[in-house]
Amino acid sequence: MPLITLFSAPKPFTNPHIAIIQRNAIKSWTLLPDVEVILFGEEEGLPEAARELGVKHIAQVSRSVTGVPLISSMVQLARENGSSDLLCIINSDMILMPDFLEAAKQAVKWNDKFVLLSQRWDYDIPAVLDFAEGWASRLSESVRKQNQLHRPAGSDFFLFPRDCYQDIPNFTIGRAGWDNWMIYQARMQNWPVIDCTPSVMIIHQNHDYSHLPFRYTILDATHQLAQGGKLVRPKMTSLRFTRRFELFLRSIFSFLPEKTLENIVRPKRWKKRFKKLFK
């Protein structure tokens, strides 16, 4: 029985660059031992790519009125069609390496309910990757040289035991809100939110992507998976302190309208106001 069921809803394979990075990502998943992969959707080129890469393809997935796959349907279908104890919803442009598997094994030892996530490393990959022996080490070294660790906003994957997240609202994949809710829900249920950034490199292949504002982020993780598999509390940094102060203000002023609340609790907006005052 595999350890992890990885599942995703790729974009159409019609754009040449999107097709390349999606094939790169999915291929990297298939090279991990103890992993099965399920791709959802009827997007153009997806059935052919699934056959080419030797992964399971399920066409029927519930969608929003605009035709975008629903997270709730994807998770439920992964439970019904996957055979592992761990589920991982992941964006189809993310490259995984063996350290990802080790992080999952460590998290399972620590608690029976949790969510594992991390920051990503942004990297330009314009062509099909060469997955010859030693590819992961070569790629890791090249990515570290560029040193583009993405800010801790949102997450490109969530790994959790199959019993978690039984009642997910009708969020759509690739749209604002769902990833923030995943962290929020884990915090509300008192599950450990484990940031494995210190011990794992997750690579995002750059493409045309518009980042959206987020509410709950990796800064809200309760634990970090450090090198050597040790689970620790995150060190207090200026970013984490600011984030905690923001959440404290949100709890005090929660009765205010959302627009007013945002103006009060966002430190970056304070800076803009001070600049205007002293111009």
C-alpha atoms as a PDB file:
ATOM      1  CA  MET A   1       0.000   0.000   0.000  1.00  0.00           C
ATOM      2  CA  PRO A   2       1.433   3.433  -0.923  1.00  0.00           C
ATOM      3  CA  LEU A   3       2.180   5.954   1.793  1.00  0.00           C
ATOM      4  CA  ILE A   4       0.738   9.000  -0.034  1.00  0.00           C
ATOM      5  CA  THR A   5      -1.961   9.651  -2.610  1.00  0.00           C
ATOM      6  CA  LEU A   6      -0.966  12.789  -4.525  1.00  0.00           C
ATOM      7  CA  PHE A   7      -3.799  14.388  -6.453  1.00  0.00           C
ATOM      8  CA  SER A   8      -4.234  17.452  -8.626  1.00  0.00           C
ATOM      9  CA  ALA A   9      -6.431  19.060 -11.296  1.00  0.00           C
ATOM     10  CA  PRO A  10      -4.040  20.243 -14.029  1.00  0.00           C
ATOM     11  CA  LYS A  11      -4.703  23.036 -16.482  1.00  0.00           C
ATOM     12  CA  PRO A  12      -5.222  22.210 -20.164  1.00  0.00           C
ATOM     13  CA  PHE A  13      -2.041  21.054 -21.876  1.00  0.00           C
ATOM     14  CA  THR A  14      -2.609  23.423 -24.798  1.00  0.00           C
ATOM     15  CA  ASN A  15      -0.130  26.128 -23.743  1.00  0.00           C
ATOM     16  CA  PRO A  16       3.353  24.733 -24.568  1.00  0.00           C
ATOM     17  CA  HIS A  17       5.043  26.104 -21.448  1.00  0.00           C
ATOM     18  CA  ILE A  18       2.233  25.006 -19.112  1.00  0.00           C
ATOM     19  CA  ALA A  19       2.337  21.557 -20.720  1.00  0.00           C
ATOM     20  CA  ILE A  20       6.092  21.297 -20.086  1.00  0.00           C
ATOM     21  CA  ILE A  21       6.007  22.345 -16.447  1.00  0.00           C
ATOM     22  CA  GLN A  22       3.011  20.139 -15.669  1.00  0.00           C
ATOM     23  CA  ARG A  23       4.733  17.110 -17.193  1.00  0.00           C
ATOM     24  CA  ASN A  24       7.914  17.963 -15.261  1.00  0.00           C
ATOM     25  CA  ALA A  25       5.972  18.180 -12.001  1.00  0.00           C
ATOM     26  CA  ILE A  26       3.902  15.021 -12.420  1.00  0.00           C
ATOM     27  CA  LYS A  27       6.953  13.057 -13.571  1.00  0.00           C
ATOM     28  CA  SER A  28       8.782  14.067 -10.376  1.00  0.00           C
ATOM     29  CA  TRP A  29       5.873  12.741  -8.306  1.00  0.00           C
ATOM     30  CA  THR A  30       5.927   9.378 -10.068  1.00  0.00           C
ATOM     31  CA  LEU A  31       9.621   8.946  -9.241  1.00  0.00           C
ATOM     32  CA  LEU A  32       8.896   8.969  -5.502  1.00  0.00           C
ATOM     33  CA  PRO A  33       8.582   5.514  -3.937  1.00  0.00           C
ATOM     34  CA  ASP A  34       5.401   4.630  -1.987  1.00  0.00           C
ATOM     35  CA  VAL A  35       3.337   7.228  -3.856  1.00  0.00           C
ATOM     36  CA  GLU A  36       0.315   7.012  -6.151  1.00  0.00           C
ATOM     37  CA  VAL A  37      -0.894   9.870  -8.349  1.00  0.00           C
ATOM     38  CA  ILE A  38      -4.443  10.791  -9.395  1.00  0.00           C
ATOM     39  CA  LEU A  39      -5.247  13.548 -11.902  1.00  0.00           C
ATOM     40  CA  PHE A  40      -8.769  14.977 -12.072  1.00  0.00           C
ATOM     41  CA  GLY A  41     -10.598  16.698 -14.915  1.00  0.00           C
ATOM     42  CA  GLU A  42     -11.435  16.686 -18.608  1.00  0.00           C
ATOM     43  CA  GLU A  43      -9.047  19.436 -19.688  1.00  0.00           C
ATOM     44  CA  GLU A  44      -7.590  19.149 -23.170  1.00  0.00           C
ATOM     45  CA  GLY A  45      -4.508  16.939 -23.305  1.00  0.00           C
ATOM     46  CA  LEU A  46      -4.964  15.586 -19.771  1.00  0.00           C
ATOM     47  CA  PRO A  47      -6.004  11.997 -20.652  1.00  0.00           C
ATOM     48  CA  GLU A  48      -3.020  11.675 -22.991  1.00  0.00           C
ATOM     49  CA  ALA A  49      -0.595  13.100 -20.408  1.00  0.00           C
ATOM     50  CA  ALA A  50      -1.920  10.752 -17.719  1.00  0.00           C
ATOM     51  CA  ARG A  51      -1.373   7.729 -19.982  1.00  0.00           C
ATOM     52  CA  GLU A  52       2.077   8.954 -20.965  1.00  0.00           C
ATOM     53  CA  LEU A  53       3.128   9.400 -17.323  1.00  0.00           C
ATOM     54  CA  GLY A  54       1.462   6.212 -16.103  1.00  0.00           C
ATOM     55  CA  VAL A  55      -0.864   7.789 -13.526  1.00  0.00           C
ATOM     56  CA  LYS A  56      -4.543   7.386 -12.706  1.00  0.00           C
ATOM     57  CA  HIS A  57      -6.968   9.752 -14.420  1.00  0.00           C
ATOM     58  CA  ILE A  58     -10.526  10.469 -13.254  1.00  0.00           C
ATOM     59  CA  ALA A  59     -12.451  12.707 -15.628  1.00  0.00           C
ATOM     60  CA  GLN A  60     -15.611  13.306 -13.615  1.00  0.00           C
ATOM     61  CA  VAL A  61     -15.103  15.835 -10.827  1.00  0.00           C
ATOM     62  CA  SER A  62     -17.707  18.266  -9.501  1.00  0.00           C
ATOM     63  CA  ARG A  63     -17.263  21.816 -10.724  1.00  0.00           C
ATOM     64  CA  SER A  64     -18.421  25.334  -9.939  1.00  0.00           C
ATOM     65  CA  VAL A  65     -20.902  27.142 -12.172  1.00  0.00           C
ATOM     66  CA  THR A  66     -17.895  28.563 -14.028  1.00  0.00           C
ATOM     67  CA  GLY A  67     -16.531  25.072 -14.692  1.00  0.00           C
ATOM     68  CA  VAL A  68     -13.635  25.031 -12.188  1.00  0.00           C
ATOM     69  CA  PRO A  69     -13.073  21.792 -10.178  1.00  0.00           C
ATOM     70  CA  LEU A  70     -14.208  21.881  -6.541  1.00  0.00           C
ATOM     71  CA  ILE A  71     -11.673  21.111  -3.800  1.00  0.00           C
ATOM     72  CA  SER A  72     -14.303  19.173  -1.828  1.00  0.00           C
ATOM     73  CA  SER A  73     -14.966  16.853  -4.768  1.00  0.00           C
ATOM     74  CA  MET A  74     -11.269  16.298  -5.415  1.00  0.00           C
ATOM     75  CA  VAL A  75     -10.622  15.335  -1.778  1.00  0.00           C
ATOM     76  CA  GLN A  76     -13.613  13.007  -1.658  1.00  0.00           C
ATOM     77  CA  LEU A  77     -12.653  11.311  -4.923  1.00  0.00           C
ATOM     78  CA  ALA A  78      -9.078  10.912  -3.656  1.00  0.00           C
ATOM     79  CA  ARG A  79     -10.446   9.176  -0.542  1.00  0.00           C
ATOM     80  CA  GLU A  80     -12.623   6.874  -2.634  1.00  0.00           C
ATOM     81  CA  ASN A  81     -10.021   6.022  -5.266  1.00  0.00           C
ATOM     82  CA  GLY A  82      -6.761   6.281  -3.354  1.00  0.00           C
ATOM     83  CA  SER A  83      -5.364   3.449  -1.278  1.00  0.00           C
ATOM     84  CA  SER A  84      -3.059   5.323   1.124  1.00  0.00           C
ATOM     85  CA  ASP A  85      -3.492   6.735   4.621  1.00  0.00           C
ATOM     86  CA  LEU A  86      -2.167  10.150   3.603  1.00  0.00           C
ATOM     87  CA  LEU A  87      -3.706  12.472   1.029  1.00  0.00           C
ATOM     88  CA  CYS A  88      -1.894  15.376  -0.598  1.00  0.00           C
ATOM     89  CA  ILE A  89      -3.590  17.952  -2.788  1.00  0.00           C
ATOM     90  CA  ILE A  90      -0.932  19.719  -4.828  1.00  0.00           C
ATOM     91  CA  ASN A  91      -0.706  22.257  -7.624  1.00  0.00           C
ATOM     92  CA  SER A  92       0.363  20.714 -10.898  1.00  0.00           C
ATOM     93  CA  ASP A  93       3.420  22.952 -11.371  1.00  0.00           C
ATOM     94  CA  MET A  94       5.225  21.797  -8.207  1.00  0.00           C
ATOM     95  CA  ILE A  95       8.300  19.535  -8.342  1.00  0.00           C
ATOM     96  CA  LEU A  96       8.767  17.129  -5.440  1.00  0.00           C
ATOM     97  CA  MET A  97      11.950  15.342  -4.386  1.00  0.00           C
ATOM     98  CA  PRO A  98      12.756  12.524  -1.914  1.00  0.00           C
ATOM     99  CA  ASP A  99      12.942  14.891   1.076  1.00  0.00           C
ATOM    100  CA  PHE A 100       9.181  15.378   0.730  1.00  0.00           C
ATOM    101  CA  LEU A 101       8.590  11.704   1.457  1.00  0.00           C
ATOM    102  CA  GLU A 102      10.831  11.820   4.523  1.00  0.00           C
ATOM    103  CA  ALA A 103       8.906  14.811   5.902  1.00  0.00           C
ATOM    104  CA  ALA A 104       5.627  12.926   5.533  1.00  0.00           C
ATOM    105  CA  LYS A 105       7.054   9.911   7.384  1.00  0.00           C
ATOM    106  CA  GLN A 106       8.202  12.117  10.265  1.00  0.00           C
ATOM    107  CA  ALA A 107       4.841  13.900  10.543  1.00  0.00           C
ATOM    108  CA  VAL A 108       2.940  10.598  10.734  1.00  0.00           C
ATOM    109  CA  LYS A 109       5.060   9.508  13.688  1.00  0.00           C
ATOM    110  CA  TRP A 110       4.160  12.633  15.623  1.00  0.00           C
ATOM    111  CA  ASN A 111       0.363  12.894  15.403  1.00  0.00           C
ATOM    112  CA  ASP A 112      -2.641  11.142  13.876  1.00  0.00           C
ATOM    113  CA  LYS A 113      -4.174  14.430  12.661  1.00  0.00           C
ATOM    114  CA  PHE A 114      -2.157  17.254  11.165  1.00  0.00           C
ATOM    115  CA  VAL A 115      -1.550  19.236   7.996  1.00  0.00           C
ATOM    116  CA  LEU A 116       1.897  19.504   6.423  1.00  0.00           C
ATOM    117  CA  LEU A 117       2.821  22.458   4.195  1.00  0.00           C
ATOM    118  CA  SER A 118       5.800  24.614   3.272  1.00  0.00           C
ATOM    119  CA  GLN A 119       7.051  27.641   1.438  1.00  0.00           C
ATOM    120  CA  ARG A 120       8.107  27.060  -2.136  1.00  0.00           C
ATOM    121  CA  TRP A 121      11.257  27.865  -4.051  1.00  0.00           C
ATOM    122  CA  ASP A 122      10.541  29.762  -7.287  1.00  0.00           C
ATOM    123  CA  TYR A 123      12.640  28.694 -10.263  1.00  0.00           C
ATOM    124  CA  ASP A 124      12.647  29.124 -14.044  1.00  0.00           C
ATOM    125  CA  ILE A 125      12.440  25.818 -15.915  1.00  0.00           C
ATOM    126  CA  PRO A 126      11.769  26.536 -19.604  1.00  0.00           C
ATOM    127  CA  ALA A 127      12.313  23.007 -20.921  1.00  0.00           C
ATOM    128  CA  VAL A 128      11.632  19.355 -20.162  1.00  0.00           C
ATOM    129  CA  LEU A 129      13.728  18.240 -17.195  1.00  0.00           C
ATOM    130  CA  ASP A 130      16.355  15.540 -17.533  1.00  0.00           C
ATOM    131  CA  PHE A 131      15.418  13.014 -14.843  1.00  0.00           C
ATOM    132  CA  ALA A 132      18.623  10.998 -15.187  1.00  0.00           C
ATOM    133  CA  GLU A 133      20.233   9.642 -12.016  1.00  0.00           C
ATOM    134  CA  GLY A 134      21.187  12.419  -9.598  1.00  0.00           C
ATOM    135  CA  TRP A 135      18.659  14.883 -11.034  1.00  0.00           C
ATOM    136  CA  ALA A 136      17.291  15.899  -7.615  1.00  0.00           C
ATOM    137  CA  SER A 137      20.714  16.837  -6.225  1.00  0.00           C
ATOM    138  CA  ARG A 138      21.627  18.808  -9.336  1.00  0.00           C
ATOM    139  CA  LEU A 139      18.325  20.665  -9.354  1.00  0.00           C
ATOM    140  CA  SER A 140      18.476  21.434  -5.618  1.00  0.00           C
ATOM    141  CA  GLU A 141      21.934  22.949  -5.962  1.00  0.00           C
ATOM    142  CA  SER A 142      20.866  25.106  -8.885  1.00  0.00           C
ATOM    143  CA  VAL A 143      17.723  26.308  -7.103  1.00  0.00           C
ATOM    144  CA  ARG A 144      19.662  27.268  -3.967  1.00  0.00           C
ATOM    145  CA  LYS A 145      22.060  29.328  -6.042  1.00  0.00           C
ATOM    146  CA  GLN A 146      19.160  31.418  -7.324  1.00  0.00           C
ATOM    147  CA  ASN A 147      17.923  31.725  -3.722  1.00  0.00           C
ATOM    148  CA  GLN A 148      14.297  32.601  -4.492  1.00  0.00           C
ATOM    149  CA  LEU A 149      12.376  31.285  -1.501  1.00  0.00           C
ATOM    150  CA  HIS A 150       8.829  32.556  -1.922  1.00  0.00           C
ATOM    151  CA  ARG A 151       7.271  34.659   0.815  1.00  0.00           C
ATOM    152  CA  PRO A 152       5.143  32.673   3.319  1.00  0.00           C
ATOM    153  CA  ALA A 153       1.778  33.415   1.736  1.00  0.00           C
ATOM    154  CA  GLY A 154      -0.553  30.622   0.791  1.00  0.00           C
ATOM    155  CA  SER A 155       0.618  27.107   0.059  1.00  0.00           C
ATOM    156  CA  ASP A 156       0.933  24.962  -3.044  1.00  0.00           C
ATOM    157  CA  PHE A 157       0.246  21.648  -1.326  1.00  0.00           C
ATOM    158  CA  PHE A 158      -1.454  20.273   1.762  1.00  0.00           C
ATOM    159  CA  LEU A 159      -0.671  16.790   3.064  1.00  0.00           C
ATOM    160  CA  PHE A 160      -2.967  15.316   5.710  1.00  0.00           C
ATOM    161  CA  PRO A 161      -4.349  11.991   7.007  1.00  0.00           C
ATOM    162  CA  ARG A 162      -7.343  10.788   5.002  1.00  0.00           C
ATOM    163  CA  ASP A 163      -9.735  11.274   7.952  1.00  0.00           C
ATOM    164  CA  CYS A 164      -9.056  15.027   8.086  1.00  0.00           C
ATOM    165  CA  TYR A 165     -11.049  17.680   6.181  1.00  0.00           C
ATOM    166  CA  GLN A 166     -14.336  15.810   5.916  1.00  0.00           C
ATOM    167  CA  ASP A 167     -16.464  18.920   5.331  1.00  0.00           C
ATOM    168  CA  ILE A 168     -14.835  21.309   2.901  1.00  0.00           C
ATOM    169  CA  PRO A 169     -16.835  24.277   1.542  1.00  0.00           C
ATOM    170  CA  ASN A 170     -17.281  24.572  -2.207  1.00  0.00           C
ATOM    171  CA  PHE A 171     -13.950  26.233  -2.909  1.00  0.00           C
ATOM    172  CA  THR A 172     -12.558  26.033  -6.432  1.00  0.00           C
ATOM    173  CA  ILE A 173      -9.015  24.983  -7.231  1.00  0.00           C
ATOM    174  CA  GLY A 174      -6.624  27.782  -8.126  1.00  0.00           C
ATOM    175  CA  ARG A 175      -8.827  30.549  -6.723  1.00  0.00           C
ATOM    176  CA  ALA A 176      -8.404  32.713  -3.622  1.00  0.00           C
ATOM    177  CA  GLY A 177      -9.553  31.441  -0.260  1.00  0.00           C
ATOM    178  CA  TRP A 178      -9.287  27.679  -0.215  1.00  0.00           C
ATOM    179  CA  ASP A 179      -5.648  27.419   0.892  1.00  0.00           C
ATOM    180  CA  ASN A 180      -6.184  29.979   3.661  1.00  0.00           C
ATOM    181  CA  TRP A 181      -9.219  28.016   4.847  1.00  0.00           C
ATOM    182  CA  MET A 182      -7.200  24.778   5.027  1.00  0.00           C
ATOM    183  CA  ILE A 183      -4.819  26.378   7.538  1.00  0.00           C
ATOM    184  CA  TYR A 184      -7.651  28.122   9.383  1.00  0.00           C
ATOM    185  CA  GLN A 185      -9.627  24.874   9.733  1.00  0.00           C
ATOM    186  CA  ALA A 186      -6.614  22.974  11.068  1.00  0.00           C
ATOM    187  CA  ARG A 187      -6.005  25.693  13.659  1.00  0.00           C
ATOM    188  CA  MET A 188      -9.672  25.654  14.689  1.00  0.00           C
ATOM    189  CA  GLN A 189      -9.522  21.854  15.118  1.00  0.00           C
ATOM    190  CA  ASN A 190      -6.246  22.106  17.084  1.00  0.00           C
ATOM    191  CA  TRP A 191      -4.394  19.947  14.578  1.00  0.00           C
ATOM    192  CA  PRO A 192      -0.668  20.666  14.312  1.00  0.00           C
ATOM    193  CA  VAL A 193       0.059  22.867  11.297  1.00  0.00           C
ATOM    194  CA  ILE A 194       3.556  21.748  10.325  1.00  0.00           C
ATOM    195  CA  ASP A 195       5.776  23.951   8.185  1.00  0.00           C
ATOM    196  CA  CYS A 196       8.463  21.715   6.676  1.00  0.00           C
ATOM    197  CA  THR A 197      10.312  24.527   4.865  1.00  0.00           C
ATOM    198  CA  PRO A 198      13.546  24.040   6.872  1.00  0.00           C
ATOM    199  CA  SER A 199      13.855  20.383   5.832  1.00  0.00           C
ATOM    200  CA  VAL A 200      12.188  20.148   2.414  1.00  0.00           C
ATOM    201  CA  MET A 201      12.651  21.855  -0.966  1.00  0.00           C
ATOM    202  CA  ILE A 202       9.417  22.180  -2.930  1.00  0.00           C
ATOM    203  CA  ILE A 203      10.044  23.780  -6.336  1.00  0.00           C
ATOM    204  CA  HIS A 204       7.545  25.978  -8.132  1.00  0.00           C
ATOM    205  CA  GLN A 205       8.199  26.322 -11.847  1.00  0.00           C
ATOM    206  CA  ASN A 206       7.661  29.971 -12.699  1.00  0.00           C
ATOM    207  CA  HIS A 207       4.929  30.932 -15.105  1.00  0.00           C
ATOM    208  CA  ASP A 208       2.449  33.735 -15.641  1.00  0.00           C
ATOM    209  CA  TYR A 209       0.634  33.784 -12.317  1.00  0.00           C
ATOM    210  CA  SER A 210      -1.184  36.542 -10.493  1.00  0.00           C
ATOM    211  CA  HIS A 211      -0.712  36.332  -6.721  1.00  0.00           C
ATOM    212  CA  LEU A 212      -3.733  37.062  -4.607  1.00  0.00           C
ATOM    213  CA  PRO A 213      -3.996  38.375  -1.031  1.00  0.00           C
ATOM    214  CA  PHE A 214      -4.260  35.707   1.681  1.00  0.00           C
ATOM    215  CA  ARG A 215      -5.597  35.570   5.214  1.00  0.00           C
ATOM    216  CA  TYR A 216      -4.121  32.450   6.838  1.00  0.00           C
ATOM    217  CA  THR A 217      -0.560  31.735   5.686  1.00  0.00           C
ATOM    218  CA  ILE A 218       2.499  29.638   6.514  1.00  0.00           C
ATOM    219  CA  LEU A 219       3.307  32.243   9.173  1.00  0.00           C
ATOM    220  CA  ASP A 220       0.382  30.691  11.082  1.00  0.00           C
ATOM    221  CA  ALA A 221       2.067  27.275  11.285  1.00  0.00           C
ATOM    222  CA  THR A 222       2.241  25.913  14.836  1.00  0.00           C
ATOM    223  CA  HIS A 223       5.323  23.727  14.230  1.00  0.00           C
ATOM    224  CA  GLN A 224       8.308  23.346  11.908  1.00  0.00           C
ATOM    225  CA  LEU A 225       9.930  20.136  10.725  1.00  0.00           C
ATOM    226  CA  ALA A 226      13.637  20.827  11.163  1.00  0.00           C
ATOM    227  CA  GLN A 227      16.594  19.025   9.620  1.00  0.00           C
ATOM    228  CA  GLY A 228      16.923  15.530  11.050  1.00  0.00           C
ATOM    229  CA  GLY A 229      13.170  15.110  11.445  1.00  0.00           C
ATOM    230  CA  LYS A 230      12.850  17.060  14.697  1.00  0.00           C
ATOM    231  CA  LEU A 231       9.537  18.838  15.232  1.00  0.00           C
ATOM    232  CA  VAL A 232      10.036  22.274  16.815  1.00  0.00           C
ATOM    233  CA  ARG A 233       8.130  25.468  17.496  1.00  0.00           C
ATOM    234  CA  PRO A 234       8.901  28.166  14.908  1.00  0.00           C
ATOM    235  CA  LYS A 235      11.364  30.830  16.050  1.00  0.00           C
ATOM    236  CA  MET A 236       9.861  34.226  16.681  1.00  0.00           C
ATOM    237  CA  THR A 237      10.787  36.572  13.852  1.00  0.00           C
ATOM    238  CA  SER A 238       9.660  40.093  13.053  1.00  0.00           C
ATOM    239  CA  LEU A 239       7.281  38.686  10.432  1.00  0.00           C
ATOM    240  CA  ARG A 240       5.747  36.199  12.872  1.00  0.00           C
ATOM    241  CA  PHE A 241       5.470  38.863  15.573  1.00  0.00           C
ATOM    242  CA  THR A 242       3.699  41.209  13.151  1.00  0.00           C
ATOM    243  CA  ARG A 243       1.431  38.382  12.096  1.00  0.00           C
ATOM    244  CA  ARG A 244       0.457  37.554  15.697  1.00  0.00           C
ATOM    245  CA  PHE A 245      -0.207  41.197  16.395  1.00  0.00           C
ATOM    246  CA  GLU A 246      -2.430  41.355  13.310  1.00  0.00           C
ATOM    247  CA  LEU A 247      -4.452  38.326  14.483  1.00  0.00           C
ATOM    248  CA  PHE A 248      -4.737  39.881  17.948  1.00  0.00           C
ATOM    249  CA  LEU A 249      -6.158  43.067  16.422  1.00  0.00           C
ATOM    250  CA  ARG A 250      -8.552  41.032  14.287  1.00  0.00           C
ATOM    251  CA  SER A 251      -9.935  39.334  17.383  1.00  0.00           C
ATOM    252  CA  ILE A 252     -10.519  42.697  19.103  1.00  0.00           C
ATOM    253  CA  PHE A 253     -12.071  44.493  16.126  1.00  0.00           C
ATOM    254  CA  SER A 254     -13.893  41.538  14.543  1.00  0.00           C
ATOM    255  CA  PHE A 255     -17.209  43.429  14.779  1.00  0.00           C
ATOM    256  CA  LEU A 256     -16.046  45.998  12.197  1.00  0.00           C
ATOM    257  CA  PRO A 257     -16.822  45.792   8.447  1.00  0.00           C
ATOM    258  CA  GLU A 258     -14.170  43.868   6.507  1.00  0.00           C
ATOM    259  CA  LYS A 259     -12.818  46.905   4.632  1.00  0.00           C
ATOM    260  CA  THR A 260     -12.412  48.900   7.851  1.00  0.00           C
ATOM    261  CA  LEU A 261     -10.863  45.906   9.602  1.00  0.00           C
ATOM    262  CA  GLU A 262      -8.277  45.484   6.855  1.00  0.00           C
ATOM    263  CA  ASN A 263      -7.220  49.129   7.194  1.00  0.00           C
ATOM    264  CA  ILE A 264      -6.726  48.713  10.939  1.00  0.00           C
ATOM    265  CA  VAL A 265      -4.862  45.406  11.115  1.00  0.00           C
ATOM    266  CA  ARG A 266      -2.521  45.572   8.125  1.00  0.00           C
ATOM    267  CA  PRO A 267       0.862  47.111   9.121  1.00  0.00           C
ATOM    268  CA  LYS A 268       1.744  47.819   5.479  1.00  0.00           C
ATOM    269  CA  ARG A 269      -1.292  50.067   5.231  1.00  0.00           C
ATOM    270  CA  TRP A 270      -0.142  51.958   8.343  1.00  0.00           C
ATOM    271  CA  LYS A 271       3.166  52.693   6.615  1.00  0.00           C
ATOM    272  CA  LYS A 272       1.403  54.100   3.576  1.00  0.00           C
ATOM    273  CA  ARG A 273      -0.701  56.375   5.773  1.00  0.00           C
ATOM    274  CA  PHE A 274       2.326  57.669   7.673  1.00  0.00           C
ATOM    275  CA  LYS A 275       4.072  58.446   4.390  1.00  0.00           C
ATOM    276  CA  LYS A 276       1.049  60.434   3.205  1.00  0.00           C
ATOM    277  CA  LEU A 277       0.858  62.330   6.520  1.00  0.00           C
ATOM    278  CA  PHE A 278       4.505  63.379   6.411  1.00  0.00           C
ATOM    279  CA  LYS A 279       4.728  64.273   2.750  1.00  0.00           C
END
